[in-house]
């Protein structure tokens, strides 16, 4: 199990979902790359709410599909064993939770995997000692 898989599983409580979403994060350049993609797609305010320490703004399956693209959603669908529409619906509920959990201090990781490791360790500390 990769680092992304482990962290995503800890955040979401499911290794199957965590593994599929970790692949998505890796393909987008980590959390920062994913947030950039949403900002470039006109949904920066929504994505920033997932990073911030406040509440997460909702995102629709259609918005997920528009920003990530059909091929990316189809790849996630194949990993979940569902059709792309259902995968987009699942992503619309899980992605905000995952980003929120991987940015516990309301900040994006500065340089990819190293900072993601720090975020993951902070997350695990919170679960163990919080």
C-alpha atoms as a PDB file:
ATOM      1  CA  UNK A   1       0.000   0.000   0.000  1.00  0.00           C
ATOM      2  CA  UNK A   2       1.456   3.397  -1.003  1.00  0.00           C
ATOM      3  CA  UNK A   3       1.729   6.455   1.223  1.00  0.00           C
ATOM      4  CA  UNK A   4      -1.217   8.059  -0.582  1.00  0.00           C
ATOM      5  CA  UNK A   5      -3.267   4.883  -0.123  1.00  0.00           C
ATOM      6  CA  UNK A   6      -2.522   4.794   3.597  1.00  0.00           C
ATOM      7  CA  UNK A   7      -3.343   8.460   4.148  1.00  0.00           C
ATOM      8  CA  UNK A   8      -6.491   8.362   2.065  1.00  0.00           C
ATOM      9  CA  UNK A   9      -7.641   5.226   3.866  1.00  0.00           C
ATOM     10  CA  UNK A  10      -7.052   6.894   7.245  1.00  0.00           C
ATOM     11  CA  UNK A  11      -9.075   9.946   6.201  1.00  0.00           C
ATOM     12  CA  UNK A  12     -11.932   8.055   4.590  1.00  0.00           C
ATOM     13  CA  UNK A  13     -11.952   4.895   6.698  1.00  0.00           C
ATOM     14  CA  UNK A  14     -12.001   2.625   3.639  1.00  0.00           C
ATOM     15  CA  UNK A  15      -8.988   1.097   1.945  1.00  0.00           C
ATOM     16  CA  UNK A  16     -10.869   0.604  -1.350  1.00  0.00           C
ATOM     17  CA  UNK A  17     -11.954   4.236  -1.530  1.00  0.00           C
ATOM     18  CA  UNK A  18      -8.599   5.402  -0.243  1.00  0.00           C
ATOM     19  CA  UNK A  19      -6.713   3.479  -2.908  1.00  0.00           C
ATOM     20  CA  UNK A  20      -8.863   4.826  -5.742  1.00  0.00           C
ATOM     21  CA  UNK A  21      -8.632   8.408  -4.492  1.00  0.00           C
ATOM     22  CA  UNK A  22      -4.907   8.190  -3.836  1.00  0.00           C
ATOM     23  CA  UNK A  23      -4.452   7.277  -7.495  1.00  0.00           C
ATOM     24  CA  UNK A  24      -6.493  10.314  -8.430  1.00  0.00           C
ATOM     25  CA  UNK A  25      -4.374  12.559  -6.194  1.00  0.00           C
ATOM     26  CA  UNK A  26      -1.137  11.154  -7.601  1.00  0.00           C
ATOM     27  CA  UNK A  27      -2.309  11.685 -11.182  1.00  0.00           C
ATOM     28  CA  UNK A  28      -3.218  15.319 -10.453  1.00  0.00           C
ATOM     29  CA  UNK A  29       0.093  16.233  -8.815  1.00  0.00           C
ATOM     30  CA  UNK A  30      -0.994  15.779  -5.209  1.00  0.00           C
ATOM     31  CA  UNK A  31      -3.328  17.996  -3.236  1.00  0.00           C
ATOM     32  CA  UNK A  32      -1.843  21.233  -4.603  1.00  0.00           C
ATOM     33  CA  UNK A  33      -2.158  20.026  -8.199  1.00  0.00           C
ATOM     34  CA  UNK A  34      -5.753  18.996  -7.631  1.00  0.00           C
ATOM     35  CA  UNK A  35      -6.631  22.368  -6.099  1.00  0.00           C
ATOM     36  CA  UNK A  36      -4.947  24.139  -9.026  1.00  0.00           C
ATOM     37  CA  UNK A  37      -7.066  22.119 -11.433  1.00  0.00           C
ATOM     38  CA  UNK A  38     -10.251  23.204  -9.649  1.00  0.00           C
ATOM     39  CA  UNK A  39      -9.083  26.833  -9.580  1.00  0.00           C
ATOM     40  CA  UNK A  40      -8.356  26.712 -13.317  1.00  0.00           C
ATOM     41  CA  UNK A  41     -11.814  25.193 -13.832  1.00  0.00           C
ATOM     42  CA  UNK A  42     -13.494  28.142 -12.119  1.00  0.00           C
ATOM     43  CA  UNK A  43     -14.179  26.300  -8.854  1.00  0.00           C
ATOM     44  CA  UNK A  44     -11.362  27.745  -6.764  1.00  0.00           C
ATOM     45  CA  UNK A  45     -13.658  28.969  -3.989  1.00  0.00           C
ATOM     46  CA  UNK A  46     -15.129  25.500  -3.535  1.00  0.00           C
ATOM     47  CA  UNK A  47     -11.732  23.782  -3.546  1.00  0.00           C
ATOM     48  CA  UNK A  48     -10.235  26.346  -1.155  1.00  0.00           C
ATOM     49  CA  UNK A  49     -13.043  25.638   1.309  1.00  0.00           C
ATOM     50  CA  UNK A  50     -11.829  22.034   1.499  1.00  0.00           C
ATOM     51  CA  UNK A  51      -8.344  23.244   2.416  1.00  0.00           C
ATOM     52  CA  UNK A  52      -9.415  25.924   4.871  1.00  0.00           C
ATOM     53  CA  UNK A  53     -10.255  25.195   8.481  1.00  0.00           C
ATOM     54  CA  UNK A  54     -13.922  26.162   7.999  1.00  0.00           C
ATOM     55  CA  UNK A  55     -16.728  24.127   6.495  1.00  0.00           C
ATOM     56  CA  UNK A  56     -16.460  22.421   3.121  1.00  0.00           C
ATOM     57  CA  UNK A  57     -18.559  23.802   0.291  1.00  0.00           C
ATOM     58  CA  UNK A  58     -20.386  21.094  -1.670  1.00  0.00           C
ATOM     59  CA  UNK A  59     -19.534  20.157  -5.232  1.00  0.00           C
ATOM     60  CA  UNK A  60     -21.805  18.429  -7.719  1.00  0.00           C
ATOM     61  CA  UNK A  61     -21.050  15.367  -9.799  1.00  0.00           C
ATOM     62  CA  UNK A  62     -21.352  17.543 -12.906  1.00  0.00           C
ATOM     63  CA  UNK A  63     -18.728  19.964 -11.573  1.00  0.00           C
ATOM     64  CA  UNK A  64     -16.401  17.051 -10.779  1.00  0.00           C
ATOM     65  CA  UNK A  65     -16.845  15.716 -14.311  1.00  0.00           C
ATOM     66  CA  UNK A  66     -16.246  19.149 -15.870  1.00  0.00           C
ATOM     67  CA  UNK A  67     -13.030  19.821 -13.965  1.00  0.00           C
ATOM     68  CA  UNK A  68     -11.465  16.369 -13.900  1.00  0.00           C
ATOM     69  CA  UNK A  69     -12.615  15.305 -17.340  1.00  0.00           C
ATOM     70  CA  UNK A  70     -14.288  12.176 -18.635  1.00  0.00           C
ATOM     71  CA  UNK A  71     -11.129  10.056 -18.844  1.00  0.00           C
ATOM     72  CA  UNK A  72     -10.117  10.715 -15.231  1.00  0.00           C
ATOM     73  CA  UNK A  73     -13.614  10.019 -13.905  1.00  0.00           C
ATOM     74  CA  UNK A  74     -13.810   6.865 -16.057  1.00  0.00           C
ATOM     75  CA  UNK A  75     -10.513   5.646 -14.561  1.00  0.00           C
ATOM     76  CA  UNK A  76     -11.840   6.181 -11.032  1.00  0.00           C
ATOM     77  CA  UNK A  77     -15.096   4.456 -12.038  1.00  0.00           C
ATOM     78  CA  UNK A  78     -13.143   1.416 -13.188  1.00  0.00           C
ATOM     79  CA  UNK A  79     -11.315   1.272  -9.837  1.00  0.00           C
ATOM     80  CA  UNK A  80     -14.596   1.514  -7.910  1.00  0.00           C
ATOM     81  CA  UNK A  81     -16.298  -0.937 -10.289  1.00  0.00           C
ATOM     82  CA  UNK A  82     -19.126   1.488 -11.106  1.00  0.00           C
ATOM     83  CA  UNK A  83     -20.227   3.616 -14.031  1.00  0.00           C
ATOM     84  CA  UNK A  84     -18.686   7.102 -14.505  1.00  0.00           C
ATOM     85  CA  UNK A  85     -21.838   8.913 -13.331  1.00  0.00           C
ATOM     86  CA  UNK A  86     -21.837   7.015 -10.049  1.00  0.00           C
ATOM     87  CA  UNK A  87     -18.075   7.609  -9.694  1.00  0.00           C
ATOM     88  CA  UNK A  88     -18.586  11.363 -10.149  1.00  0.00           C
ATOM     89  CA  UNK A  89     -21.284  11.256  -7.440  1.00  0.00           C
ATOM     90  CA  UNK A  90     -18.952   9.365  -5.125  1.00  0.00           C
ATOM     91  CA  UNK A  91     -16.098  11.791  -5.819  1.00  0.00           C
ATOM     92  CA  UNK A  92     -18.371  14.738  -5.073  1.00  0.00           C
ATOM     93  CA  UNK A  93     -18.830  13.460  -1.519  1.00  0.00           C
ATOM     94  CA  UNK A  94     -15.410  11.918  -0.829  1.00  0.00           C
ATOM     95  CA  UNK A  95     -13.018  14.412  -2.426  1.00  0.00           C
ATOM     96  CA  UNK A  96     -13.871  17.296  -0.080  1.00  0.00           C
ATOM     97  CA  UNK A  97     -13.347  14.984   2.917  1.00  0.00           C
ATOM     98  CA  UNK A  98     -10.028  13.736   1.596  1.00  0.00           C
ATOM     99  CA  UNK A  99      -8.597  17.178   0.848  1.00  0.00           C
ATOM    100  CA  UNK A 100      -9.883  18.472   4.177  1.00  0.00           C
ATOM    101  CA  UNK A 101      -8.263  15.585   6.026  1.00  0.00           C
ATOM    102  CA  UNK A 102      -4.938  16.003   4.214  1.00  0.00           C
ATOM    103  CA  UNK A 103      -4.793  19.732   4.978  1.00  0.00           C
ATOM    104  CA  UNK A 104      -5.565  19.770   8.717  1.00  0.00           C
ATOM    105  CA  UNK A 105      -3.932  23.152   9.334  1.00  0.00           C
ATOM    106  CA  UNK A 106      -5.741  24.852   6.469  1.00  0.00           C
ATOM    107  CA  UNK A 107      -2.643  24.966   4.273  1.00  0.00           C
ATOM    108  CA  UNK A 108      -1.670  23.196   1.076  1.00  0.00           C
ATOM    109  CA  UNK A 109       1.441  21.054   1.120  1.00  0.00           C
ATOM    110  CA  UNK A 110       4.270  23.265  -0.189  1.00  0.00           C
ATOM    111  CA  UNK A 111       6.247  20.702  -2.170  1.00  0.00           C
ATOM    112  CA  UNK A 112       4.373  17.537  -2.889  1.00  0.00           C
ATOM    113  CA  UNK A 113       5.015  14.191  -1.228  1.00  0.00           C
ATOM    114  CA  UNK A 114       7.284  15.434   1.570  1.00  0.00           C
ATOM    115  CA  UNK A 115       4.656  17.791   2.887  1.00  0.00           C
ATOM    116  CA  UNK A 116       1.960  15.228   2.253  1.00  0.00           C
ATOM    117  CA  UNK A 117       3.922  12.900   4.501  1.00  0.00           C
ATOM    118  CA  UNK A 118       3.951  15.596   7.191  1.00  0.00           C
ATOM    119  CA  UNK A 119       0.208  16.133   6.760  1.00  0.00           C
ATOM    120  CA  UNK A 120      -0.345  12.393   7.018  1.00  0.00           C
ATOM    121  CA  UNK A 121       1.739  12.122  10.151  1.00  0.00           C
ATOM    122  CA  UNK A 122      -0.198  15.003  11.692  1.00  0.00           C
ATOM    123  CA  UNK A 123      -3.430  13.248  10.745  1.00  0.00           C
ATOM    124  CA  UNK A 124      -2.271   9.995  12.318  1.00  0.00           C
ATOM    125  CA  UNK A 125      -1.107  11.812  15.472  1.00  0.00           C
ATOM    126  CA  UNK A 126      -4.559  13.358  15.748  1.00  0.00           C
ATOM    127  CA  UNK A 127      -6.195   9.938  15.496  1.00  0.00           C
ATOM    128  CA  UNK A 128      -3.806   8.351  17.983  1.00  0.00           C
ATOM    129  CA  UNK A 129      -3.485  11.144  20.518  1.00  0.00           C
ATOM    130  CA  UNK A 130      -6.487  13.356  19.851  1.00  0.00           C
END
